[in-house]
C-alpha atoms as a PDB file:
ATOM      1  CA  MET A   1      74.141  -3.935 -18.258  1.00  0.00           C
ATOM      2  CA  ASN A   2      72.963  -1.521 -15.598  1.00  0.00           C
ATOM      3  CA  VAL A   3      69.478  -0.057 -15.539  1.00  0.00           C
ATOM      4  CA  ARG A   4      68.190   2.941 -13.640  1.00  0.00           C
ATOM      5  CA  PRO A   5      64.399   3.134 -13.208  1.00  0.00           C
ATOM      6  CA  GLU A   6      64.219   6.694 -14.502  1.00  0.00           C
ATOM      7  CA  GLN A   7      66.033   5.812 -17.741  1.00  0.00           C
ATOM      8  CA  ILE A   8      63.499   3.386 -19.202  1.00  0.00           C
ATOM      9  CA  PRO A   9      59.694   3.292 -19.508  1.00  0.00           C
ATOM     10  CA  TYR A  10      58.092   2.172 -16.268  1.00  0.00           C
ATOM     11  CA  ARG A  11      56.495  -0.835 -17.987  1.00  0.00           C
ATOM     12  CA  ASP A  12      59.928  -2.122 -19.039  1.00  0.00           C
ATOM     13  CA  PHE A  13      61.263  -1.768 -15.515  1.00  0.00           C
ATOM     14  CA  TYR A  14      58.084  -3.381 -14.197  1.00  0.00           C
ATOM     15  CA  ARG A  15      58.795  -6.445 -16.378  1.00  0.00           C
ATOM     16  CA  ILE A  16      62.338  -6.654 -14.987  1.00  0.00           C
ATOM     17  CA  LEU A  17      60.954  -6.493 -11.476  1.00  0.00           C
ATOM     18  CA  LEU A  18      58.327  -9.184 -12.015  1.00  0.00           C
ATOM     19  CA  SER A  19      60.659 -11.521 -13.881  1.00  0.00           C
ATOM     20  CA  SER A  20      63.443 -11.395 -11.305  1.00  0.00           C
ATOM     21  CA  VAL A  21      61.530 -11.149  -8.015  1.00  0.00           C
ATOM     22  CA  ALA A  22      59.888 -14.537  -8.427  1.00  0.00           C
ATOM     23  CA  PRO A  23      58.232 -16.807  -7.643  1.00  0.00           C
ATOM     24  CA  ARG A  24      56.019 -14.617  -5.484  1.00  0.00           C
ATOM     25  CA  PRO A  25      53.465 -16.013  -3.028  1.00  0.00           C
ATOM     26  CA  ILE A  26      49.872 -14.991  -3.665  1.00  0.00           C
ATOM     27  CA  ALA A  27      47.596 -13.339  -1.133  1.00  0.00           C
ATOM     28  CA  TRP A  28      43.993 -14.142  -2.003  1.00  0.00           C
ATOM     29  CA  VAL A  29      42.371 -11.344  -0.017  1.00  0.00           C
ATOM     30  CA  SER A  30      38.739 -11.408   1.037  1.00  0.00           C
ATOM     31  CA  THR A  31      37.063  -8.254   2.317  1.00  0.00           C
ATOM     32  CA  LEU A  32      33.559  -7.167   3.225  1.00  0.00           C
ATOM     33  CA  ASN A  33      31.986  -3.711   3.141  1.00  0.00           C
ATOM     34  CA  LYS A  34      28.324  -2.836   3.655  1.00  0.00           C
ATOM     35  CA  GLY A  35      27.371  -6.448   3.030  1.00  0.00           C
ATOM     36  CA  GLN A  36      29.254  -6.679  -0.286  1.00  0.00           C
ATOM     37  CA  LEU A  37      31.811  -9.484  -0.577  1.00  0.00           C
ATOM     38  CA  ASN A  38      35.063  -8.955  -2.461  1.00  0.00           C
ATOM     39  CA  LEU A  39      37.869 -11.361  -3.310  1.00  0.00           C
ATOM     40  CA  ALA A  40      41.062 -10.594  -5.249  1.00  0.00           C
ATOM     41  CA  PRO A  41      44.622 -11.988  -5.573  1.00  0.00           C
ATOM     42  CA  PHE A  42      47.821  -9.980  -5.028  1.00  0.00           C
ATOM     43  CA  SER A  43      51.340 -11.230  -5.722  1.00  0.00           C
ATOM     44  CA  PHE A  44      53.192  -8.334  -4.092  1.00  0.00           C
ATOM     45  CA  PHE A  45      52.815 -10.194  -0.799  1.00  0.00           C
ATOM     46  CA  ASN A  46      54.779 -11.734   2.045  1.00  0.00           C
ATOM     47  CA  ALA A  47      55.083 -12.276   5.784  1.00  0.00           C
ATOM     48  CA  VAL A  48      56.740  -9.194   7.280  1.00  0.00           C
ATOM     49  CA  SER A  49      56.984  -9.950  11.011  1.00  0.00           C
ATOM     50  CA  ALA A  50      56.805 -12.959  13.314  1.00  0.00           C
ATOM     51  CA  LYS A  51      56.236 -11.120  16.597  1.00  0.00           C
ATOM     52  CA  PRO A  52      53.758  -9.569  16.314  1.00  0.00           C
ATOM     53  CA  PRO A  53      52.679 -11.768  13.383  1.00  0.00           C
ATOM     54  CA  MET A  54      52.207  -9.510  10.354  1.00  0.00           C
ATOM     55  CA  LEU A  55      51.399  -9.950   6.683  1.00  0.00           C
ATOM     56  CA  GLY A  56      51.850  -7.314   4.003  1.00  0.00           C
ATOM     57  CA  PHE A  57      50.535  -6.983   0.472  1.00  0.00           C
ATOM     58  CA  SER A  58      50.494  -4.166  -2.053  1.00  0.00           C
ATOM     59  CA  PRO A  59      47.438  -3.326  -4.194  1.00  0.00           C
ATOM     60  CA  SER A  60      48.131  -0.902  -7.026  1.00  0.00           C
ATOM     61  CA  LEU A  61      45.968   1.978  -8.164  1.00  0.00           C
ATOM     62  CA  ARG A  62      43.828   1.617 -11.285  1.00  0.00           C
ATOM     63  CA  LEU A  63      42.342   3.991 -13.849  1.00  0.00           C
ATOM     64  CA  VAL A  64      38.576   4.510 -13.732  1.00  0.00           C
ATOM     65  CA  ASP A  65      37.180   6.925 -16.320  1.00  0.00           C
ATOM     66  CA  GLY A  66      40.673   8.373 -16.702  1.00  0.00           C
ATOM     67  CA  GLN A  67      41.074   8.996 -12.970  1.00  0.00           C
ATOM     68  CA  SER A  68      43.230   7.193 -10.398  1.00  0.00           C
ATOM     69  CA  ALA A  69      41.179   5.045  -8.041  1.00  0.00           C
ATOM     70  CA  PRO A  70      41.950   2.449  -5.360  1.00  0.00           C
ATOM     71  CA  LYS A  71      40.985  -1.147  -5.929  1.00  0.00           C
ATOM     72  CA  ASP A  72      37.933  -2.384  -4.045  1.00  0.00           C
ATOM     73  CA  THR A  73      40.132  -4.405  -1.695  1.00  0.00           C
ATOM     74  CA  LEU A  74      42.025  -1.335  -0.519  1.00  0.00           C
ATOM     75  CA  HIS A  75      38.849   0.747  -0.262  1.00  0.00           C
ATOM     76  CA  ASN A  76      37.172  -1.913   1.869  1.00  0.00           C
ATOM     77  CA  ILE A  77      40.148  -2.277   4.189  1.00  0.00           C
ATOM     78  CA  ARG A  78      40.332   1.479   4.743  1.00  0.00           C
ATOM     79  CA  GLU A  79      36.649   1.400   5.699  1.00  0.00           C
ATOM     80  CA  THR A  80      36.510  -1.760   7.829  1.00  0.00           C
ATOM     81  CA  ARG A  81      40.152  -2.263   8.929  1.00  0.00           C
ATOM     82  CA  GLU A  82      39.772  -6.024   8.492  1.00  0.00           C
ATOM     83  CA  PHE A  83      40.663  -8.621   5.859  1.00  0.00           C
ATOM     84  CA  VAL A  84      41.502 -12.294   5.357  1.00  0.00           C
ATOM     85  CA  VAL A  85      44.501 -13.619   3.430  1.00  0.00           C
ATOM     86  CA  ASN A  86      43.794 -17.043   1.938  1.00  0.00           C
ATOM     87  CA  VAL A  87      46.628 -19.115   0.464  1.00  0.00           C
ATOM     88  CA  VAL A  88      46.361 -20.341  -3.129  1.00  0.00           C
ATOM     89  CA  THR A  89      46.841 -24.008  -3.966  1.00  0.00           C
ATOM     90  CA  PHE A  90      47.197 -25.630  -7.372  1.00  0.00           C
ATOM     91  CA  ALA A  91      43.668 -26.994  -7.045  1.00  0.00           C
ATOM     92  CA  VAL A  92      42.137 -23.496  -6.955  1.00  0.00           C
ATOM     93  CA  ALA A  93      44.502 -21.787  -9.413  1.00  0.00           C
ATOM     94  CA  ASP A  94      41.799 -21.334 -12.054  1.00  0.00           C
ATOM     95  CA  ALA A  95      39.334 -19.915  -9.547  1.00  0.00           C
ATOM     96  CA  MET A  96      41.981 -17.503  -8.235  1.00  0.00           C
ATOM     97  CA  ASN A  97      42.746 -16.350 -11.768  1.00  0.00           C
ATOM     98  CA  LEU A  98      39.054 -15.746 -12.434  1.00  0.00           C
ATOM     99  CA  THR A  99      38.834 -13.429  -9.426  1.00  0.00           C
ATOM    100  CA  SER A 100      41.755 -11.324 -10.713  1.00  0.00           C
ATOM    101  CA  GLY A 101      39.564  -9.487 -13.221  1.00  0.00           C
ATOM    102  CA  ASP A 102      38.951  -5.763 -12.864  1.00  0.00           C
ATOM    103  CA  TYR A 103      35.268  -6.142 -12.017  1.00  0.00           C
ATOM    104  CA  ASP A 104      32.776  -3.563 -10.839  1.00  0.00           C
ATOM    105  CA  SER A 105      32.479  -3.257  -7.057  1.00  0.00           C
ATOM    106  CA  SER A 106      28.993  -4.780  -7.233  1.00  0.00           C
ATOM    107  CA  VAL A 107      30.398  -8.142  -8.396  1.00  0.00           C
ATOM    108  CA  ASP A 108      30.725 -10.893  -5.784  1.00  0.00           C
ATOM    109  CA  GLU A 109      33.870 -12.792  -6.821  1.00  0.00           C
ATOM    110  CA  PHE A 110      32.986 -15.684  -4.490  1.00  0.00           C
ATOM    111  CA  ALA A 111      29.835 -16.295  -6.532  1.00  0.00           C
ATOM    112  CA  LEU A 112      31.602 -15.576  -9.831  1.00  0.00           C
ATOM    113  CA  ALA A 113      34.237 -18.248  -9.190  1.00  0.00           C
ATOM    114  CA  LYS A 114      31.751 -20.633  -7.534  1.00  0.00           C
ATOM    115  CA  LEU A 115      33.672 -20.554  -4.256  1.00  0.00           C
ATOM    116  CA  THR A 116      32.373 -21.318  -0.794  1.00  0.00           C
ATOM    117  CA  THR A 117      32.636 -18.969   2.177  1.00  0.00           C
ATOM    118  CA  ARG A 118      33.843 -20.130   5.587  1.00  0.00           C
ATOM    119  CA  PRO A 119      33.011 -17.949   8.618  1.00  0.00           C
ATOM    120  CA  SER A 120      35.933 -16.203  10.286  1.00  0.00           C
ATOM    121  CA  GLN A 121      36.364 -16.204  14.045  1.00  0.00           C
ATOM    122  CA  LEU A 122      37.517 -12.661  14.877  1.00  0.00           C
ATOM    123  CA  VAL A 123      36.905 -10.572  11.748  1.00  0.00           C
ATOM    124  CA  ARG A 124      33.838 -10.005   9.589  1.00  0.00           C
ATOM    125  CA  PRO A 125      35.139 -10.934   6.115  1.00  0.00           C
ATOM    126  CA  PRO A 126      34.696 -14.644   5.397  1.00  0.00           C
ATOM    127  CA  GLN A 127      37.397 -17.070   4.375  1.00  0.00           C
ATOM    128  CA  VAL A 128      37.685 -19.035   1.145  1.00  0.00           C
ATOM    129  CA  ALA A 129      36.596 -22.514   2.223  1.00  0.00           C
ATOM    130  CA  GLU A 130      38.570 -24.098  -0.631  1.00  0.00           C
ATOM    131  CA  SER A 131      41.793 -22.599   0.766  1.00  0.00           C
ATOM    132  CA  PRO A 132      43.484 -24.802   3.410  1.00  0.00           C
ATOM    133  CA  VAL A 133      45.084 -21.883   5.273  1.00  0.00           C
ATOM    134  CA  SER A 134      43.405 -18.547   5.973  1.00  0.00           C
ATOM    135  CA  PHE A 135      44.833 -15.673   8.014  1.00  0.00           C
ATOM    136  CA  GLU A 136      42.360 -13.351   9.713  1.00  0.00           C
ATOM    137  CA  CYS A 137      43.947  -9.901   9.909  1.00  0.00           C
ATOM    138  CA  LYS A 138      43.309  -6.568  11.592  1.00  0.00           C
ATOM    139  CA  LEU A 139      44.775  -3.549   9.822  1.00  0.00           C
ATOM    140  CA  ASN A 140      47.992  -2.264  11.354  1.00  0.00           C
ATOM    141  CA  ARG A 141      48.852   0.467   8.844  1.00  0.00           C
ATOM    142  CA  ILE A 142      48.701   1.514   5.197  1.00  0.00           C
ATOM    143  CA  ILE A 143      51.665   3.170   3.497  1.00  0.00           C
ATOM    144  CA  ASP A 144      50.796   5.000   0.259  1.00  0.00           C
ATOM    145  CA  PHE A 145      53.527   5.325  -2.374  1.00  0.00           C
ATOM    146  CA  GLY A 146      51.945   7.550  -5.017  1.00  0.00           C
ATOM    147  CA  THR A 147      48.773   8.959  -6.514  1.00  0.00           C
ATOM    148  CA  GLU A 148      48.859   7.550 -10.068  1.00  0.00           C
ATOM    149  CA  PRO A 149      48.995   3.999 -11.503  1.00  0.00           C
ATOM    150  CA  PRO A 150      51.038   1.839 -11.256  1.00  0.00           C
ATOM    151  CA  SER A 151      51.783   3.278  -7.811  1.00  0.00           C
ATOM    152  CA  GLY A 152      50.138   1.511  -4.931  1.00  0.00           C
ATOM    153  CA  SER A 153      49.960   1.079  -1.205  1.00  0.00           C
ATOM    154  CA  LEU A 154      51.464  -1.333   1.294  1.00  0.00           C
ATOM    155  CA  VAL A 155      48.794  -2.839   3.529  1.00  0.00           C
ATOM    156  CA  ILE A 156      50.128  -4.386   6.732  1.00  0.00           C
ATOM    157  CA  GLY A 157      47.816  -6.476   8.869  1.00  0.00           C
ATOM    158  CA  GLU A 158      48.306  -8.226  12.180  1.00  0.00           C
ATOM    159  CA  ILE A 159      47.240 -11.873  12.179  1.00  0.00           C
ATOM    160  CA  VAL A 160      44.657 -12.407  14.916  1.00  0.00           C
ATOM    161  CA  CYS A 161      43.603 -15.952  13.976  1.00  0.00           C
ATOM    162  CA  VAL A 162      44.606 -18.596  11.438  1.00  0.00           C
ATOM    163  CA  HIS A 163      42.512 -21.457  10.096  1.00  0.00           C
ATOM    164  CA  LEU A 164      44.344 -24.685   9.210  1.00  0.00           C
ATOM    165  CA  GLU A 165      42.579 -27.552   7.489  1.00  0.00           C
ATOM    166  CA  ASP A 166      43.328 -30.922   9.087  1.00  0.00           C
ATOM    167  CA  ASN A 167      44.139 -32.530   5.725  1.00  0.00           C
ATOM    168  CA  VAL A 168      47.250 -30.360   5.257  1.00  0.00           C
ATOM    169  CA  LEU A 169      48.656 -31.178   8.679  1.00  0.00           C
ATOM    170  CA  LYS A 170      51.068 -34.015   9.399  1.00  0.00           C
ATOM    171  CA  GLU A 171      52.069 -34.665  12.999  1.00  0.00           C
ATOM    172  CA  GLY A 172      50.742 -31.248  13.928  1.00  0.00           C
ATOM    173  CA  ARG A 173      52.717 -29.357  11.265  1.00  0.00           C
ATOM    174  CA  LEU A 174      51.831 -28.027   7.840  1.00  0.00           C
ATOM    175  CA  ASP A 175      52.839 -30.504   5.147  1.00  0.00           C
ATOM    176  CA  PRO A 176      54.225 -28.806   1.989  1.00  0.00           C
ATOM    177  CA  ASP A 177      53.191 -31.722  -0.235  1.00  0.00           C
ATOM    178  CA  SER A 178      49.609 -31.550   0.980  1.00  0.00           C
ATOM    179  CA  LEU A 179      49.510 -27.750   0.608  1.00  0.00           C
ATOM    180  CA  ASP A 180      50.681 -27.761  -3.029  1.00  0.00           C
ATOM    181  CA  LEU A 181      50.951 -23.966  -3.150  1.00  0.00           C
ATOM    182  CA  ILE A 182      51.548 -21.973  -6.317  1.00  0.00           C
ATOM    183  CA  GLY A 183      53.559 -18.799  -6.932  1.00  0.00           C
ATOM    184  CA  ARG A 184      53.368 -15.985  -9.446  1.00  0.00           C
ATOM    185  CA  MET A 185      56.036 -15.513 -12.095  1.00  0.00           C
ATOM    186  CA  SER A 186      55.792 -12.843 -14.810  1.00  0.00           C
ATOM    187  CA  GLY A 187      53.085 -12.416 -17.412  1.00  0.00           C
ATOM    188  CA  THR A 188      50.697 -15.365 -17.419  1.00  0.00           C
ATOM    189  CA  GLN A 189      53.163 -17.786 -15.830  1.00  0.00           C
ATOM    190  CA  TYR A 190      52.888 -19.408 -12.415  1.00  0.00           C
ATOM    191  CA  SER A 191      55.004 -21.962 -10.573  1.00  0.00           C
ATOM    192  CA  ARG A 192      54.104 -24.956  -8.441  1.00  0.00           C
ATOM    193  CA  THR A 193      55.889 -25.767  -5.180  1.00  0.00           C
ATOM    194  CA  THR A 194      56.111 -29.520  -5.711  1.00  0.00           C
ATOM    195  CA  ASN A 195      59.769 -29.493  -6.841  1.00  0.00           C
ATOM    196  CA  ARG A 196      61.786 -28.576  -3.756  1.00  0.00           C
ATOM    197  CA  PHE A 197      65.238 -29.210  -2.300  1.00  0.00           C
ATOM    198  CA  ASP A 198      66.820 -28.898   1.144  1.00  0.00           C
ATOM    199  CA  LEU A 199      69.719 -26.704   2.218  1.00  0.00           C
ATOM    200  CA  LYS A 200      70.940 -26.899   5.789  1.00  0.00           C
ATOM    201  CA  ARG A 201      71.990 -23.572   7.240  1.00  0.00           C
ATOM    202  CA  PRO A 202      75.686 -23.390   8.185  1.00  0.00           C
ATOM    203  CA  GLU A 203      76.589 -23.805  11.826  1.00  0.00           C
ATOM    204  CA  VAL A 204      78.647 -20.744  12.695  1.00  0.00           C
ATOM    205  CA  GLN A 205      80.704 -20.847  15.864  1.00  0.00           C
ATOM    206  CA  PRO A 206      80.871 -17.619  17.857  1.00  0.00           C
ATOM    207  CA  PRO A 207      84.259 -15.909  17.710  1.00  0.00           C
ATOM    208  CA  GLU A 208      86.615 -16.582  20.562  1.00  0.00           C
ATOM    209  CA  THR A 209      87.181 -13.867  23.111  1.00  0.00           C
ATOM    210  CA  PRO A 210      90.089 -13.465  25.517  1.00  0.00           C
ATOM    211  CA  HIS A 211      87.752 -14.553  28.310  1.00  0.00           C
ATOM    212  CA  SER A 212      86.655 -17.740  26.467  1.00  0.00           C
ATOM    213  CA  ARG A 213      90.287 -18.872  25.978  1.00  0.00           C
ATOM    214  CA  LYS A 214      90.988 -18.946  29.685  1.00  0.00           C
END
């Protein structure tokens, strides 16, 4: 079976995409604009560069009164050029899910989910104190893909500071067991990163050259 995006309804192709590109890490993004806190999760998310250190996530457009509108997260980042990406552990899965609702911009999702703020060092938006790892980011660029839902934008931020809780560190390194991160599958399903296995990368010898054989 071969499927071309233009041959089926976009929702059907969207389901294929979400079911096969999984599990996806979750960016729990906190922003601040004119004193109003905002917190929302996004599963179109990943690290995109190590040097400079960059994270990218993609918020989609939504319909408001029949018109396309950006989500509050994207609006705030365009205005302030700052955000924090907090990782999502199994312990805060329910709180993360609660903040995923399509609330009015006046709603403080920190208060709604009974979460605690932790001050950031170099950006204005606060961190989620219940998250063991938080990346403070300055906006690098925004790439817009369309003007109607479910189109969205790719937000790329440069990491300027990262907060690491001591209880998830072992011998100075992040401990996967202590982190207990979750990932997004399709629909209402999530996965937990407690069942893992190791694969050692192959050691590939460089090809011989006439000079190396001498």
